[in-house]
């Protein structure tokens, strides 16, 4: 399958590292003009430089702004008045005793993980529908379906994204714009290796260590290894393409079979 996004502009929020950076790289390889977003000028500049080395000739737009704030979102929309592919990847996570999570923390998770995506969708969806083409995506998580007892606030925010995605897909019905969410499973990102080695034998090579971790601590995974960010990115790139024109309103799983269900 040849995916060509030449002439399309994509915005990937939270794309200076991890899954977001992999998505930005995948879209750039497909020919899209990609806006790289992070909160600081330094992190964005470093990410753009790294992506430029990874994908020579890529057309990259640095956009430093905290899209979890109204001011940051306005800064992004001024810098990028037109976006054809919006990937709402920005998110925070962390564990906490569910009885100790404060109101402020509940609000923070909702504002960063949900409201930031809603705000940008409101900004860009009208232009997409007017032009008769567009792609909106939300990076969710297996935690949206399998709520972790130690991360209820995080799981709640990802469940909300599934609802937001389905709702906006209905708003865009019949316009040529598709709206989907991507359910990412346990993924190999920054800090995960340290976490894995806290739970398994540190003398094991990484490949063996991650498989031991998955067997012992994530046994429901059918993949039995951590997912690489590029594997999540492949689904996002496909959903951004012409080939995915009949896929909308969906919650597509890239979870390695982690969620024990036929449908989300």
Protein backbone atom coordinates (compact mmCIF):
# COMPACT_ATOMS: atom_id res chain seq x y z
CA UNK A 1 0.00 0.00 0.00
CA UNK A 2 1.42 3.36 -1.03
CA UNK A 3 0.29 6.23 1.16
CA UNK A 4 0.87 9.69 -0.29
CA UNK A 5 0.06 12.72 1.87
CA UNK A 6 1.81 15.24 -0.35
CA UNK A 7 0.07 18.60 -0.11
CA UNK A 8 -1.49 17.84 3.27
CA UNK A 9 -0.60 19.69 6.46
CA UNK A 10 -0.60 17.66 9.66
CA UNK A 11 -0.48 18.81 13.26
CA UNK A 12 0.63 16.30 15.89
CA UNK A 13 0.29 17.60 19.43
CA UNK A 14 2.88 16.53 21.98
CA UNK A 15 5.20 15.34 19.22
CA UNK A 16 8.67 16.06 20.59
CA UNK A 17 9.16 12.50 21.87
CA UNK A 18 7.66 9.04 22.18
CA UNK A 19 4.55 8.10 20.23
CA UNK A 20 4.02 11.67 19.02
CA UNK A 21 7.50 11.90 17.52
CA UNK A 22 7.01 8.54 15.78
CA UNK A 23 3.70 9.73 14.34
CA UNK A 24 5.29 12.95 13.10
CA UNK A 25 8.05 10.94 11.41
CA UNK A 26 5.56 8.56 9.80
CA UNK A 27 3.46 11.40 8.40
CA UNK A 28 6.57 13.18 7.12
CA UNK A 29 7.74 10.02 5.34
CA UNK A 30 4.34 9.88 3.63
CA UNK A 31 4.96 13.39 2.28
CA UNK A 32 2.91 15.52 4.65
CA UNK A 33 3.99 18.92 5.89
CA UNK A 34 4.19 18.25 9.62
CA UNK A 35 3.83 20.67 12.51
CA UNK A 36 5.86 19.49 15.49
CA UNK A 37 4.41 20.65 18.80
CA UNK A 38 5.73 20.85 22.33
CA UNK A 39 5.60 23.31 25.20
CA UNK A 40 9.10 24.80 24.89
CA UNK A 41 11.10 26.29 22.02
CA UNK A 42 14.07 24.15 23.06
CA UNK A 43 12.25 20.82 22.98
CA UNK A 44 10.56 21.62 19.68
CA UNK A 45 13.79 22.78 18.04
CA UNK A 46 15.58 19.61 19.15
CA UNK A 47 12.73 17.42 17.91
CA UNK A 48 12.61 19.18 14.53
CA UNK A 49 16.36 18.76 14.11
CA UNK A 50 16.16 15.06 14.97
CA UNK A 51 13.21 14.52 12.65
CA UNK A 52 15.01 16.35 9.86
CA UNK A 53 17.90 13.90 10.17
CA UNK A 54 15.53 10.94 10.29
CA UNK A 55 13.46 12.05 7.29
CA UNK A 56 15.73 14.08 4.99
CA UNK A 57 13.84 16.67 3.00
CA UNK A 58 10.83 16.65 5.31
CA UNK A 59 8.83 19.88 5.48
CA UNK A 60 8.56 20.61 9.19
CA UNK A 61 6.91 23.46 11.05
CA UNK A 62 7.99 24.08 14.66
CA UNK A 63 5.08 25.15 16.86
CA UNK A 64 6.00 25.70 20.50
CA UNK A 65 2.83 26.14 22.55
CA UNK A 66 1.01 24.55 25.45
CA UNK A 67 -2.15 23.41 23.67
CA UNK A 68 -3.71 22.50 27.01
CA UNK A 69 -4.31 26.23 27.51
CA UNK A 70 -6.59 28.52 25.53
CA UNK A 71 -3.66 30.87 24.86
CA UNK A 72 -1.51 28.03 23.57
CA UNK A 73 -4.24 26.73 21.29
CA UNK A 74 -4.74 30.23 19.86
CA UNK A 75 -1.01 30.46 19.21
CA UNK A 76 -1.14 27.21 17.27
CA UNK A 77 -4.13 28.21 15.17
CA UNK A 78 -2.49 31.54 14.32
CA UNK A 79 0.67 29.75 13.19
CA UNK A 80 -1.34 27.08 11.35
CA UNK A 81 -4.61 28.49 10.06
CA UNK A 82 -5.18 25.38 7.93
CA UNK A 83 -4.69 21.80 9.06
CA UNK A 84 -5.76 18.76 7.04
CA UNK A 85 -4.72 16.06 9.52
CA UNK A 86 -5.11 16.72 13.24
CA UNK A 87 -3.60 14.12 15.57
CA UNK A 88 -4.48 14.80 19.20
CA UNK A 89 -1.64 12.92 20.84
CA UNK A 90 -0.85 15.13 23.84
CA UNK A 91 -1.42 13.37 27.14
CA UNK A 92 -0.20 13.00 30.70
CA UNK A 93 -0.30 9.92 32.91
CA UNK A 94 0.66 8.78 36.35
CA UNK A 95 -0.45 6.45 39.10
CA UNK A 96 -2.09 7.49 42.36
CA UNK A 97 -4.24 6.08 45.13
CA UNK A 98 -7.77 6.66 43.79
CA UNK A 99 -8.96 7.92 47.16
CA UNK A 100 -6.13 10.46 47.30
CA UNK A 101 -6.55 12.10 43.88
CA UNK A 102 -7.53 15.73 44.43
CA UNK A 103 -10.16 17.71 42.56
CA UNK A 104 -7.35 19.77 41.03
CA UNK A 105 -5.68 16.64 39.66
CA UNK A 106 -8.94 15.36 38.21
CA UNK A 107 -9.37 18.71 36.46
CA UNK A 108 -5.78 18.71 35.18
CA UNK A 109 -6.18 15.31 33.57
CA UNK A 110 -9.43 16.35 31.93
CA UNK A 111 -8.02 19.66 30.70
CA UNK A 112 -4.80 18.20 29.26
CA UNK A 113 -6.00 14.84 27.95
CA UNK A 114 -9.51 15.76 26.81
CA UNK A 115 -10.27 19.47 26.62
CA UNK A 116 -7.08 20.29 24.67
CA UNK A 117 -8.17 17.86 21.96
CA UNK A 118 -11.74 19.17 21.94
CA UNK A 119 -10.51 22.75 21.63
CA UNK A 120 -8.34 22.01 18.60
CA UNK A 121 -11.05 19.91 16.98
CA UNK A 122 -13.45 22.85 17.30
CA UNK A 123 -10.83 25.08 15.69
CA UNK A 124 -9.99 22.90 12.70
CA UNK A 125 -13.05 20.78 11.93
CA UNK A 126 -15.06 23.60 10.28
CA UNK A 127 -12.30 24.25 7.73
CA UNK A 128 -11.98 20.55 6.97
CA UNK A 129 -15.70 20.17 6.37
CA UNK A 130 -15.78 23.26 4.15
CA UNK A 131 -12.99 21.80 2.01
CA UNK A 132 -14.61 18.36 1.98
CA UNK A 133 -11.56 16.51 3.29
CA UNK A 134 -9.87 16.05 6.62
CA UNK A 135 -8.70 13.62 9.24
CA UNK A 136 -9.09 14.01 13.02
CA UNK A 137 -7.61 11.44 15.37
CA UNK A 138 -7.32 10.97 19.11
CA UNK A 139 -4.61 8.79 20.65
CA UNK A 140 -6.38 6.87 23.40
CA UNK A 141 -5.20 3.90 25.45
CA UNK A 142 -6.11 0.41 26.54
CA UNK A 143 -6.74 2.12 29.89
CA UNK A 144 -9.86 3.63 28.32
CA UNK A 145 -11.40 0.17 28.32
CA UNK A 146 -9.46 -1.67 31.03
CA UNK A 147 -9.48 1.00 33.75
CA UNK A 148 -6.39 0.61 36.00
CA UNK A 149 -7.25 0.84 39.71
CA UNK A 150 -4.13 2.96 40.26
CA UNK A 151 -4.88 5.29 37.31
CA UNK A 152 -8.62 5.89 37.39
CA UNK A 153 -8.14 9.58 36.56
CA UNK A 154 -6.03 8.68 33.51
CA UNK A 155 -8.39 5.93 32.37
CA UNK A 156 -11.34 8.29 32.71
CA UNK A 157 -9.70 10.82 30.41
CA UNK A 158 -8.98 8.21 27.75
CA UNK A 159 -12.52 6.83 27.94
CA UNK A 160 -13.75 10.38 27.42
CA UNK A 161 -11.67 10.61 24.23
CA UNK A 162 -13.54 7.63 22.78
CA UNK A 163 -16.82 9.46 23.37
CA UNK A 164 -15.45 12.71 21.97
CA UNK A 165 -14.19 10.92 18.87
CA UNK A 166 -17.49 9.19 18.17
CA UNK A 167 -19.44 12.40 18.75
CA UNK A 168 -17.34 14.53 16.42
CA UNK A 169 -17.50 11.78 13.79
CA UNK A 170 -21.28 12.24 13.83
CA UNK A 171 -20.84 16.01 13.53
CA UNK A 172 -18.67 15.44 10.45
CA UNK A 173 -21.02 12.88 8.88
CA UNK A 174 -21.23 13.10 5.10
CA UNK A 175 -18.59 15.81 4.75
CA UNK A 176 -15.58 13.78 3.60
CA UNK A 177 -13.93 14.24 6.99
CA UNK A 178 -13.19 11.17 9.11
CA UNK A 179 -12.81 11.14 12.89
CA UNK A 180 -11.32 8.18 14.76
CA UNK A 181 -9.53 7.21 17.93
CA UNK A 182 -6.53 4.91 18.21
CA UNK A 183 -6.32 2.66 21.27
CA UNK A 184 -2.63 2.22 22.04
CA UNK A 185 -1.51 -0.69 24.21
CA UNK A 186 1.57 -0.99 26.45
CA UNK A 187 4.23 0.89 24.51
CA UNK A 188 8.02 1.16 24.63
CA UNK A 189 8.53 4.86 25.36
CA UNK A 190 10.90 6.95 27.45
CA UNK A 191 11.19 5.74 31.02
CA UNK A 192 9.52 2.40 30.34
CA UNK A 193 12.82 0.51 30.32
CA UNK A 194 13.62 1.72 33.84
CA UNK A 195 10.13 0.75 34.95
CA UNK A 196 10.51 -2.73 33.44
CA UNK A 197 13.88 -3.28 35.12
CA UNK A 198 12.35 -2.33 38.44
CA UNK A 199 10.16 -5.41 38.14
CA UNK A 200 12.35 -8.00 36.38
CA UNK A 201 15.94 -9.24 36.56
CA UNK A 202 18.28 -6.37 35.59
CA UNK A 203 20.82 -8.81 34.17
CA UNK A 204 18.47 -9.79 31.35
CA UNK A 205 19.01 -8.31 27.86
CA UNK A 206 16.28 -5.84 26.96
CA UNK A 207 14.38 -8.13 24.60
CA UNK A 208 14.20 -10.88 27.21
CA UNK A 209 13.44 -8.40 29.98
CA UNK A 210 10.45 -6.86 28.24
CA UNK A 211 9.04 -10.26 27.37
CA UNK A 212 9.44 -11.38 30.99
CA UNK A 213 7.71 -8.19 32.10
CA UNK A 214 4.80 -8.79 29.75
CA UNK A 215 4.43 -12.45 30.79
CA UNK A 216 4.53 -11.66 34.50
CA UNK A 217 2.85 -8.24 34.71
CA UNK A 218 0.79 -7.86 31.49
CA UNK A 219 -0.19 -11.50 30.79
CA UNK A 220 -3.34 -10.53 28.87
CA UNK A 221 -1.21 -9.18 26.00
CA UNK A 222 -1.29 -11.50 23.00
CA UNK A 223 1.75 -9.79 21.49
CA UNK A 224 3.77 -10.63 24.63
CA UNK A 225 6.13 -7.71 24.09
CA UNK A 226 5.90 -3.95 24.31
CA UNK A 227 4.60 -2.14 21.27
CA UNK A 228 7.06 0.14 19.50
CA UNK A 229 5.93 3.76 18.89
CA UNK A 230 6.37 3.25 15.15
CA UNK A 231 3.70 0.54 15.26
CA UNK A 232 1.21 3.01 16.71
CA UNK A 233 2.30 5.54 14.10
CA UNK A 234 1.58 3.12 11.26
CA UNK A 235 -2.10 3.02 12.20
CA UNK A 236 -2.25 6.81 12.48
CA UNK A 237 -0.61 7.26 9.07
CA UNK A 238 -3.06 4.83 7.51
CA UNK A 239 -6.05 6.61 9.07
CA UNK A 240 -4.65 9.87 7.66
CA UNK A 241 -4.70 8.52 4.12
CA UNK A 242 -7.11 8.37 1.21
CA UNK A 243 -7.19 4.60 1.67
CA UNK A 244 -8.95 5.02 5.03
CA UNK A 245 -11.79 7.10 3.60
CA UNK A 246 -14.50 4.65 4.77
CA UNK A 247 -13.19 4.37 8.34
CA UNK A 248 -14.80 6.88 10.67
CA UNK A 249 -16.34 6.92 14.12
CA UNK A 250 -14.11 4.03 15.09
CA UNK A 251 -11.90 3.10 18.03
CA UNK A 252 -9.10 1.18 16.36
CA UNK A 253 -6.91 -0.97 18.57
CA UNK A 254 -3.12 -1.14 18.33
CA UNK A 255 -2.90 -2.87 21.69
CA UNK A 256 -1.28 -6.20 20.90
CA UNK A 257 -4.48 -7.94 21.92
CA UNK A 258 -4.25 -6.48 25.42
CA UNK A 259 -7.99 -5.74 25.66
CA UNK A 260 -9.78 -9.08 26.02
CA UNK A 261 -12.71 -8.28 23.77
CA UNK A 262 -13.67 -8.57 20.13
CA UNK A 263 -14.83 -4.94 20.10
CA UNK A 264 -13.67 -2.03 22.33
